[in-house]
Amino acid sequence: MKQRSTIISDIGQMAKGAASLVDDMRSDVKNMMNAREERSQNNANLVTYEDFEALTTRLESLASRITFLEALIEDKKSPKSPAPAKKSAKRKTE
């Protein structure tokens, strides 16, 4: 009976080791796939979502600034109501 118990215990240990090995292999394959995907994205000159959002925010800020500056330029260009002409004082000649 003791030998049978030892055999079952050994089989259990082997199964535990196999499960651990399979888990390690799964982890390694996942890491390799992630590295390959990241490398292909870098080769395709793709940007991350965070970089894209930062650039979009910057672009919106610059667009509003340009609109403001264009309005200032138009305001400076548009002729204001003409100022009344100054009358020159007539000189008396004697």
PDB file of N, CA and C in Angstrom:
ATOM      1  N   MET A   1       0.815  -1.188   0.000  1.00  0.00           N
ATOM      2  CA  MET A   1       0.000   0.000   0.000  1.00  0.00           C
ATOM      3  C   MET A   1       0.858   1.251   0.000  1.00  0.00           C
ATOM      4  N   LYS A   2       1.990   1.148   0.743  1.00  0.00           N
ATOM      5  CA  LYS A   2       2.854   2.302   0.815  1.00  0.00           C
ATOM      6  C   LYS A   2       3.454   2.611  -0.547  1.00  0.00           C
ATOM      7  N   GLN A   3       3.817   1.573  -1.283  1.00  0.00           N
ATOM      8  CA  GLN A   3       4.390   1.777  -2.611  1.00  0.00           C
ATOM      9  C   GLN A   3       3.366   2.417  -3.531  1.00  0.00           C
ATOM     10  N   ARG A   4       2.118   2.010  -3.418  1.00  0.00           N
ATOM     11  CA  ARG A   4       1.057   2.577  -4.245  1.00  0.00           C
ATOM     12  C   ARG A   4       0.861   4.054  -3.907  1.00  0.00           C
ATOM     13  N   SER A   5       0.925   4.395  -2.635  1.00  0.00           N
ATOM     14  CA  SER A   5       0.787   5.773  -2.195  1.00  0.00           C
ATOM     15  C   SER A   5       1.943   6.613  -2.735  1.00  0.00           C
ATOM     16  N   THR A   6       3.117   6.057  -2.746  1.00  0.00           N
ATOM     17  CA  THR A   6       4.284   6.762  -3.263  1.00  0.00           C
ATOM     18  C   THR A   6       4.148   6.993  -4.762  1.00  0.00           C
ATOM     19  N   ILE A   7       3.651   6.016  -5.475  1.00  0.00           N
ATOM     20  CA  ILE A   7       3.466   6.156  -6.921  1.00  0.00           C
ATOM     21  C   ILE A   7       2.447   7.259  -7.212  1.00  0.00           C
ATOM     22  N   ILE A   8       1.353   7.262  -6.482  1.00  0.00           N
ATOM     23  CA  ILE A   8       0.322   8.292  -6.686  1.00  0.00           C
ATOM     24  C   ILE A   8       0.888   9.667  -6.349  1.00  0.00           C
ATOM     25  N   SER A   9       1.667   9.737  -5.287  1.00  0.00           N
ATOM     26  CA  SER A   9       2.292  11.005  -4.903  1.00  0.00           C
ATOM     27  C   SER A   9       3.257  11.474  -5.989  1.00  0.00           C
ATOM     28  N   ASP A  10       4.027  10.546  -6.536  1.00  0.00           N
ATOM     29  CA  ASP A  10       4.966  10.892  -7.609  1.00  0.00           C
ATOM     30  C   ASP A  10       4.226  11.385  -8.851  1.00  0.00           C
ATOM     31  N   ILE A  11       3.144  10.721  -9.187  1.00  0.00           N
ATOM     32  CA  ILE A  11       2.350  11.144 -10.352  1.00  0.00           C
ATOM     33  C   ILE A  11       1.773  12.541 -10.112  1.00  0.00           C
ATOM     34  N   GLY A  12       1.325  12.790  -8.889  1.00  0.00           N
ATOM     35  CA  GLY A  12       0.804  14.118  -8.545  1.00  0.00           C
ATOM     36  C   GLY A  12       1.878  15.191  -8.673  1.00  0.00           C
ATOM     37  N   GLN A  13       3.077  14.889  -8.218  1.00  0.00           N
ATOM     38  CA  GLN A  13       4.189  15.834  -8.333  1.00  0.00           C
ATOM     39  C   GLN A  13       4.547  16.085  -9.799  1.00  0.00           C
ATOM     40  N   MET A  14       4.523  15.036 -10.601  1.00  0.00           N
ATOM     41  CA  MET A  14       4.816  15.187 -12.034  1.00  0.00           C
ATOM     42  C   MET A  14       3.754  16.045 -12.709  1.00  0.00           C
ATOM     43  N   ALA A  15       2.500  15.840 -12.344  1.00  0.00           N
ATOM     44  CA  ALA A  15       1.411  16.628 -12.924  1.00  0.00           C
ATOM     45  C   ALA A  15       1.554  18.093 -12.528  1.00  0.00           C
ATOM     46  N   LYS A  16       1.920  18.332 -11.277  1.00  0.00           N
ATOM     47  CA  LYS A  16       2.116  19.705 -10.816  1.00  0.00           C
ATOM     48  C   LYS A  16       3.267  20.361 -11.588  1.00  0.00           C
ATOM     49  N   GLY A  17       4.340  19.623 -11.783  1.00  0.00           N
ATOM     50  CA  GLY A  17       5.488  20.136 -12.542  1.00  0.00           C
ATOM     51  C   GLY A  17       5.120  20.404 -13.993  1.00  0.00           C
ATOM     52  N   ALA A  18       4.328  19.508 -14.582  1.00  0.00           N
ATOM     53  CA  ALA A  18       3.906  19.695 -15.977  1.00  0.00           C
ATOM     54  C   ALA A  18       3.018  20.926 -16.104  1.00  0.00           C
ATOM     55  N   ALA A  19       2.131  21.127 -15.135  1.00  0.00           N
ATOM     56  CA  ALA A  19       1.252  22.293 -15.169  1.00  0.00           C
ATOM     57  C   ALA A  19       2.069  23.575 -15.043  1.00  0.00           C
ATOM     58  N   SER A  20       3.072  23.537 -14.188  1.00  0.00           N
ATOM     59  CA  SER A  20       3.945  24.696 -14.024  1.00  0.00           C
ATOM     60  C   SER A  20       4.720  24.970 -15.310  1.00  0.00           C
ATOM     61  N   LEU A  21       5.192  23.914 -15.946  1.00  0.00           N
ATOM     62  CA  LEU A  21       5.927  24.054 -17.202  1.00  0.00           C
ATOM     63  C   LEU A  21       5.035  24.633 -18.295  1.00  0.00           C
ATOM     64  N   VAL A  22       3.811  24.146 -18.388  1.00  0.00           N
ATOM     65  CA  VAL A  22       2.870  24.654 -19.389  1.00  0.00           C
ATOM     66  C   VAL A  22       2.561  26.126 -19.125  1.00  0.00           C
ATOM     67  N   ASP A  23       2.399  26.495 -17.868  1.00  0.00           N
ATOM     68  CA  ASP A  23       2.131  27.892 -17.526  1.00  0.00           C
ATOM     69  C   ASP A  23       3.318  28.780 -17.905  1.00  0.00           C
ATOM     70  N   ASP A  24       4.534  28.312 -17.641  1.00  0.00           N
ATOM     71  CA  ASP A  24       5.727  29.070 -18.024  1.00  0.00           C
ATOM     72  C   ASP A  24       5.825  29.221 -19.540  1.00  0.00           C
ATOM     73  N   MET A  25       5.511  28.144 -20.255  1.00  0.00           N
ATOM     74  CA  MET A  25       5.550  28.203 -21.723  1.00  0.00           C
ATOM     75  C   MET A  25       4.517  29.191 -22.251  1.00  0.00           C
ATOM     76  N   ARG A  26       3.322  29.179 -21.660  1.00  0.00           N
ATOM     77  CA  ARG A  26       2.279  30.111 -22.076  1.00  0.00           C
ATOM     78  C   ARG A  26       2.737  31.548 -21.862  1.00  0.00           C
ATOM     79  N   SER A  27       3.347  31.795 -20.723  1.00  0.00           N
ATOM     80  CA  SER A  27       3.846  33.130 -20.405  1.00  0.00           C
ATOM     81  C   SER A  27       4.935  33.560 -21.394  1.00  0.00           C
ATOM     82  N   ASP A  28       5.842  32.651 -21.721  1.00  0.00           N
ATOM     83  CA  ASP A  28       6.913  32.967 -22.672  1.00  0.00           C
ATOM     84  C   ASP A  28       6.362  33.263 -24.062  1.00  0.00           C
ATOM     85  N   VAL A  29       5.414  32.454 -24.504  1.00  0.00           N
ATOM     86  CA  VAL A  29       4.813  32.665 -25.825  1.00  0.00           C
ATOM     87  C   VAL A  29       4.087  34.008 -25.867  1.00  0.00           C
ATOM     88  N   LYS A  30       3.370  34.335 -24.804  1.00  0.00           N
ATOM     89  CA  LYS A  30       2.660  35.615 -24.747  1.00  0.00           C
ATOM     90  C   LYS A  30       3.644  36.783 -24.816  1.00  0.00           C
ATOM     91  N   ASN A  31       4.752  36.697 -24.071  1.00  0.00           N
ATOM     92  CA  ASN A  31       5.762  37.755 -24.103  1.00  0.00           C
ATOM     93  C   ASN A  31       6.386  37.899 -25.488  1.00  0.00           C
ATOM     94  N   MET A  32       6.656  36.770 -26.135  1.00  0.00           N
ATOM     95  CA  MET A  32       7.234  36.823 -27.485  1.00  0.00           C
ATOM     96  C   MET A  32       6.257  37.443 -28.474  1.00  0.00           C
ATOM     97  N   MET A  33       4.976  37.098 -28.361  1.00  0.00           N
ATOM     98  CA  MET A  33       3.977  37.663 -29.270  1.00  0.00           C
ATOM     99  C   MET A  33       3.836  39.165 -29.049  1.00  0.00           C
ATOM    100  N   ASN A  34       3.842  39.605 -27.792  1.00  0.00           N
ATOM    101  CA  ASN A  34       3.753  41.034 -27.501  1.00  0.00           C
ATOM    102  C   ASN A  34       4.963  41.784 -28.047  1.00  0.00           C
ATOM    103  N   ALA A  35       6.146  41.202 -27.887  1.00  0.00           N
ATOM    104  CA  ALA A  35       7.359  41.843 -28.397  1.00  0.00           C
ATOM    105  C   ALA A  35       7.318  41.933 -29.918  1.00  0.00           C
ATOM    106  N   ARG A  36       6.860  40.873 -30.563  1.00  0.00           N
ATOM    107  CA  ARG A  36       6.782  40.878 -32.029  1.00  0.00           C
ATOM    108  C   ARG A  36       5.766  41.909 -32.514  1.00  0.00           C
ATOM    109  N   GLU A  37       4.623  42.000 -31.832  1.00  0.00           N
ATOM    110  CA  GLU A  37       3.593  42.972 -32.204  1.00  0.00           C
ATOM    111  C   GLU A  37       4.112  44.400 -32.031  1.00  0.00           C
ATOM    112  N   GLU A  38       4.790  44.649 -30.914  1.00  0.00           N
ATOM    113  CA  GLU A  38       5.338  45.986 -30.672  1.00  0.00           C
ATOM    114  C   GLU A  38       6.396  46.336 -31.716  1.00  0.00           C
ATOM    115  N   ARG A  39       7.231  45.376 -32.072  1.00  0.00           N
ATOM    116  CA  ARG A  39       8.263  45.600 -33.087  1.00  0.00           C
ATOM    117  C   ARG A  39       7.636  45.909 -34.441  1.00  0.00           C
ATOM    118  N   SER A  40       6.573  45.203 -34.796  1.00  0.00           N
ATOM    119  CA  SER A  40       5.922  45.463 -36.086  1.00  0.00           C
ATOM    120  C   SER A  40       5.228  46.819 -36.081  1.00  0.00           C
ATOM    121  N   GLN A  41       4.669  47.233 -34.940  1.00  0.00           N
ATOM    122  CA  GLN A  41       4.061  48.563 -34.851  1.00  0.00           C
ATOM    123  C   GLN A  41       5.121  49.651 -34.971  1.00  0.00           C
ATOM    124  N   ASN A  42       6.276  49.434 -34.356  1.00  0.00           N
ATOM    125  CA  ASN A  42       7.356  50.411 -34.470  1.00  0.00           C
ATOM    126  C   ASN A  42       7.849  50.508 -35.905  1.00  0.00           C
ATOM    127  N   ASN A  43       7.919  49.390 -36.588  1.00  0.00           N
ATOM    128  CA  ASN A  43       8.357  49.400 -37.987  1.00  0.00           C
ATOM    129  C   ASN A  43       7.335  50.078 -38.882  1.00  0.00           C
ATOM    130  N   ALA A  44       6.069  50.052 -38.510  1.00  0.00           N
ATOM    131  CA  ALA A  44       5.009  50.669 -39.310  1.00  0.00           C
ATOM    132  C   ALA A  44       4.825  52.142 -38.959  1.00  0.00           C
ATOM    133  N   ASN A  45       5.675  52.666 -38.072  1.00  0.00           N
ATOM    134  CA  ASN A  45       5.613  54.072 -37.649  1.00  0.00           C
ATOM    135  C   ASN A  45       4.252  54.437 -37.057  1.00  0.00           C
ATOM    136  N   LEU A  46       3.684  53.562 -36.268  1.00  0.00           N
ATOM    137  CA  LEU A  46       2.427  53.844 -35.585  1.00  0.00           C
ATOM    138  C   LEU A  46       2.719  54.526 -34.256  1.00  0.00           C
ATOM    139  N   VAL A  47       1.791  55.344 -33.802  1.00  0.00           N
ATOM    140  CA  VAL A  47       1.959  56.022 -32.514  1.00  0.00           C
ATOM    141  C   VAL A  47       1.028  55.396 -31.487  1.00  0.00           C
ATOM    142  N   THR A  48       1.353  55.608 -30.241  1.00  0.00           N
ATOM    143  CA  THR A  48       0.497  55.085 -29.180  1.00  0.00           C
ATOM    144  C   THR A  48      -0.715  55.994 -29.018  1.00  0.00           C
ATOM    145  N   TYR A  49      -1.725  55.490 -28.366  1.00  0.00           N
ATOM    146  CA  TYR A  49      -2.945  56.265 -28.148  1.00  0.00           C
ATOM    147  C   TYR A  49      -2.653  57.500 -27.300  1.00  0.00           C
ATOM    148  N   GLU A  50      -1.787  57.354 -26.306  1.00  0.00           N
ATOM    149  CA  GLU A  50      -1.456  58.482 -25.432  1.00  0.00           C
ATOM    150  C   GLU A  50      -0.783  59.596 -26.224  1.00  0.00           C
ATOM    151  N   ASP A  51       0.164  59.225 -27.106  1.00  0.00           N
ATOM    152  CA  ASP A  51       0.829  60.234 -27.938  1.00  0.00           C
ATOM    153  C   ASP A  51      -0.166  60.907 -28.871  1.00  0.00           C
ATOM    154  N   PHE A  52      -1.073  60.116 -29.429  1.00  0.00           N
ATOM    155  CA  PHE A  52      -2.077  60.667 -30.339  1.00  0.00           C
ATOM    156  C   PHE A  52      -2.966  61.670 -29.614  1.00  0.00           C
ATOM    157  N   GLU A  53      -3.421  61.324 -28.417  1.00  0.00           N
ATOM    158  CA  GLU A  53      -4.277  62.229 -27.643  1.00  0.00           C
ATOM    159  C   GLU A  53      -3.542  63.507 -27.274  1.00  0.00           C
ATOM    160  N   ALA A  54      -2.266  63.396 -26.906  1.00  0.00           N
ATOM    161  CA  ALA A  54      -1.487  64.588 -26.549  1.00  0.00           C
ATOM    162  C   ALA A  54      -1.342  65.510 -27.755  1.00  0.00           C
ATOM    163  N   LEU A  55      -1.070  64.932 -28.913  1.00  0.00           N
ATOM    164  CA  LEU A  55      -0.930  65.750 -30.118  1.00  0.00           C
ATOM    165  C   LEU A  55      -2.259  66.352 -30.547  1.00  0.00           C
ATOM    166  N   THR A  56      -3.348  65.630 -30.372  1.00  0.00           N
ATOM    167  CA  THR A  56      -4.670  66.166 -30.710  1.00  0.00           C
ATOM    168  C   THR A  56      -5.002  67.363 -29.825  1.00  0.00           C
ATOM    169  N   THR A  57      -4.712  67.256 -28.540  1.00  0.00           N
ATOM    170  CA  THR A  57      -4.947  68.367 -27.615  1.00  0.00           C
ATOM    171  C   THR A  57      -4.102  69.568 -28.005  1.00  0.00           C
ATOM    172  N   ARG A  58      -2.849  69.340 -28.340  1.00  0.00           N
ATOM    173  CA  ARG A  58      -1.955  70.435 -28.752  1.00  0.00           C
ATOM    174  C   ARG A  58      -2.457  71.075 -30.037  1.00  0.00           C
ATOM    175  N   LEU A  59      -2.913  70.275 -30.970  1.00  0.00           N
ATOM    176  CA  LEU A  59      -3.430  70.796 -32.235  1.00  0.00           C
ATOM    177  C   LEU A  59      -4.662  71.664 -32.008  1.00  0.00           C
ATOM    178  N   GLU A  60      -5.565  71.224 -31.155  1.00  0.00           N
ATOM    179  CA  GLU A  60      -6.764  72.016 -30.858  1.00  0.00           C
ATOM    180  C   GLU A  60      -6.394  73.346 -30.209  1.00  0.00           C
ATOM    181  N   SER A  61      -5.407  73.312 -29.328  1.00  0.00           N
ATOM    182  CA  SER A  61      -4.948  74.540 -28.675  1.00  0.00           C
ATOM    183  C   SER A  61      -4.368  75.510 -29.696  1.00  0.00           C
ATOM    184  N   LEU A  62      -3.550  74.997 -30.593  1.00  0.00           N
ATOM    185  CA  LEU A  62      -2.949  75.858 -31.618  1.00  0.00           C
ATOM    186  C   LEU A  62      -3.991  76.385 -32.596  1.00  0.00           C
ATOM    187  N   ALA A  63      -4.986  75.576 -32.922  1.00  0.00           N
ATOM    188  CA  ALA A  63      -6.040  76.026 -33.838  1.00  0.00           C
ATOM    189  C   ALA A  63      -6.834  77.171 -33.216  1.00  0.00           C
ATOM    190  N   SER A  64      -7.140  77.077 -31.936  1.00  0.00           N
ATOM    191  CA  SER A  64      -7.879  78.169 -31.290  1.00  0.00           C
ATOM    192  C   SER A  64      -7.016  79.420 -31.197  1.00  0.00           C
ATOM    193  N   ARG A  65      -5.733  79.243 -30.996  1.00  0.00           N
ATOM    194  CA  ARG A  65      -4.822  80.392 -30.949  1.00  0.00           C
ATOM    195  C   ARG A  65      -4.738  81.072 -32.311  1.00  0.00           C
ATOM    196  N   ILE A  66      -4.671  80.289 -33.376  1.00  0.00           N
ATOM    197  CA  ILE A  66      -4.633  80.856 -34.731  1.00  0.00           C
ATOM    198  C   ILE A  66      -5.914  81.626 -35.015  1.00  0.00           C
ATOM    199  N   THR A  67      -7.045  81.060 -34.630  1.00  0.00           N
ATOM    200  CA  THR A  67      -8.326  81.746 -34.836  1.00  0.00           C
ATOM    201  C   THR A  67      -8.338  83.085 -34.109  1.00  0.00           C
ATOM    202  N   PHE A  68      -7.842  83.108 -32.890  1.00  0.00           N
ATOM    203  CA  PHE A  68      -7.782  84.347 -32.116  1.00  0.00           C
ATOM    204  C   PHE A  68      -6.875  85.372 -32.798  1.00  0.00           C
ATOM    205  N   LEU A  69      -5.705  84.922 -33.250  1.00  0.00           N
ATOM    206  CA  LEU A  69      -4.769  85.845 -33.905  1.00  0.00           C
ATOM    207  C   LEU A  69      -5.320  86.363 -35.230  1.00  0.00           C
ATOM    208  N   GLU A  70      -6.014  85.516 -35.979  1.00  0.00           N
ATOM    209  CA  GLU A  70      -6.630  85.970 -37.230  1.00  0.00           C
ATOM    210  C   GLU A  70      -7.692  87.026 -36.953  1.00  0.00           C
ATOM    211  N   ALA A  71      -8.444  86.850 -35.886  1.00  0.00           N
ATOM    212  CA  ALA A  71      -9.457  87.843 -35.525  1.00  0.00           C
ATOM    213  C   ALA A  71      -8.791  89.168 -35.160  1.00  0.00           C
ATOM    214  N   LEU A  72      -7.672  89.109 -34.465  1.00  0.00           N
ATOM    215  CA  LEU A  72      -6.938  90.334 -34.137  1.00  0.00           C
ATOM    216  C   LEU A  72      -6.447  91.043 -35.396  1.00  0.00           C
ATOM    217  N   ILE A  73      -5.930  90.274 -36.336  1.00  0.00           N
ATOM    218  CA  ILE A  73      -5.431  90.858 -37.587  1.00  0.00           C
ATOM    219  C   ILE A  73      -6.575  91.505 -38.349  1.00  0.00           C
ATOM    220  N   GLU A  74      -7.691  90.821 -38.443  1.00  0.00           N
ATOM    221  CA  GLU A  74      -8.848  91.380 -39.151  1.00  0.00           C
ATOM    222  C   GLU A  74      -9.336  92.651 -38.466  1.00  0.00           C
ATOM    223  N   ASP A  75      -9.291  92.670 -37.156  1.00  0.00           N
ATOM    224  CA  ASP A  75      -9.717  93.851 -36.411  1.00  0.00           C
ATOM    225  C   ASP A  75      -8.787  95.028 -36.703  1.00  0.00           C
ATOM    226  N   LYS A  76      -7.506  94.766 -36.821  1.00  0.00           N
ATOM    227  CA  LYS A  76      -6.545  95.831 -37.117  1.00  0.00           C
ATOM    228  C   LYS A  76      -6.691  96.312 -38.561  1.00  0.00           C
ATOM    229  N   LYS A  77      -7.017  95.405 -39.464  1.00  0.00           N
ATOM    230  CA  LYS A  77      -7.146  95.754 -40.883  1.00  0.00           C
ATOM    231  C   LYS A  77      -8.409  96.554 -41.156  1.00  0.00           C
ATOM    232  N   SER A  78      -9.487  96.203 -40.497  1.00  0.00           N
ATOM    233  CA  SER A  78     -10.760  96.855 -40.807  1.00  0.00           C
ATOM    234  C   SER A  78     -10.681  98.328 -40.419  1.00  0.00           C
ATOM    235  N   PRO A  79     -11.088  99.212 -41.368  1.00  0.00           N
ATOM    236  CA  PRO A  79     -11.005 100.645 -41.076  1.00  0.00           C
ATOM    237  C   PRO A  79     -12.046 101.015 -40.030  1.00  0.00           C
ATOM    238  N   LYS A  80     -11.592 101.780 -39.089  1.00  0.00           N
ATOM    239  CA  LYS A  80     -12.523 102.232 -38.062  1.00  0.00           C
ATOM    240  C   LYS A  80     -13.252 103.442 -38.614  1.00  0.00           C
ATOM    241  N   SER A  81     -14.276 103.871 -37.935  1.00  0.00           N
ATOM    242  CA  SER A  81     -15.021 105.030 -38.429  1.00  0.00           C
ATOM    243  C   SER A  81     -14.040 106.194 -38.557  1.00  0.00           C
ATOM    244  N   PRO A  82     -14.089 106.886 -39.689  1.00  0.00           N
ATOM    245  CA  PRO A  82     -13.092 107.926 -39.927  1.00  0.00           C
ATOM    246  C   PRO A  82     -13.202 109.018 -38.873  1.00  0.00           C
ATOM    247  N   ALA A  83     -12.056 109.448 -38.422  1.00  0.00           N
ATOM    248  CA  ALA A  83     -12.017 110.518 -37.424  1.00  0.00           C
ATOM    249  C   ALA A  83     -12.357 111.826 -38.120  1.00  0.00           C
ATOM    250  N   PRO A  84     -13.028 112.710 -37.443  1.00  0.00           N
ATOM    251  CA  PRO A  84     -13.370 113.985 -38.075  1.00  0.00           C
ATOM    252  C   PRO A  84     -12.101 114.738 -38.443  1.00  0.00           C
ATOM    253  N   ALA A  85     -12.142 115.328 -39.633  1.00  0.00           N
ATOM    254  CA  ALA A  85     -10.978 116.061 -40.128  1.00  0.00           C
ATOM    255  C   ALA A  85     -10.786 117.312 -39.299  1.00  0.00           C
ATOM    256  N   LYS A  86      -9.551 117.588 -38.993  1.00  0.00           N
ATOM    257  CA  LYS A  86      -9.260 118.786 -38.216  1.00  0.00           C
ATOM    258  C   LYS A  86      -9.314 119.993 -39.135  1.00  0.00           C
ATOM    259  N   LYS A  87      -9.936 121.016 -38.662  1.00  0.00           N
ATOM    260  CA  LYS A  87     -10.015 122.244 -39.446  1.00  0.00           C
ATOM    261  C   LYS A  87      -8.806 123.089 -39.097  1.00  0.00           C
ATOM    262  N   SER A  88      -8.185 123.572 -40.129  1.00  0.00           N
ATOM    263  CA  SER A  88      -7.036 124.432 -39.876  1.00  0.00           C
ATOM    264  C   SER A  88      -7.516 125.847 -39.613  1.00  0.00           C
ATOM    265  N   ALA A  89      -6.916 126.477 -38.697  1.00  0.00           N
ATOM    266  CA  ALA A  89      -7.316 127.848 -38.345  1.00  0.00           C
ATOM    267  C   ALA A  89      -6.845 128.798 -39.437  1.00  0.00           C
ATOM    268  N   LYS A  90      -7.729 129.690 -39.837  1.00  0.00           N
ATOM    269  CA  LYS A  90      -7.368 130.661 -40.872  1.00  0.00           C
ATOM    270  C   LYS A  90      -6.523 131.753 -40.236  1.00  0.00           C
ATOM    271  N   ARG A  91      -5.504 132.123 -40.944  1.00  0.00           N
ATOM    272  CA  ARG A  91      -4.642 133.186 -40.457  1.00  0.00           C
ATOM    273  C   ARG A  91      -5.106 134.514 -41.037  1.00  0.00           C
ATOM    274  N   LYS A  92      -5.046 135.455 -40.229  1.00  0.00           N
ATOM    275  CA  LYS A  92      -5.384 136.804 -40.713  1.00  0.00           C
ATOM    276  C   LYS A  92      -4.136 137.421 -41.315  1.00  0.00           C
ATOM    277  N   THR A  93      -4.299 137.922 -42.461  1.00  0.00           N
ATOM    278  CA  THR A  93      -3.178 138.603 -43.106  1.00  0.00           C
ATOM    279  C   THR A  93      -3.438 140.096 -43.061  1.00  0.00           C
ATOM    280  N   GLU A  94      -2.564 140.868 -42.606  1.00  0.00           N
ATOM    281  CA  GLU A  94      -2.738 142.319 -42.528  1.00  0.00           C
ATOM    282  C   GLU A  94      -1.720 143.017 -43.307  1.00  0.00           C
TER     283      GLU A  94
END
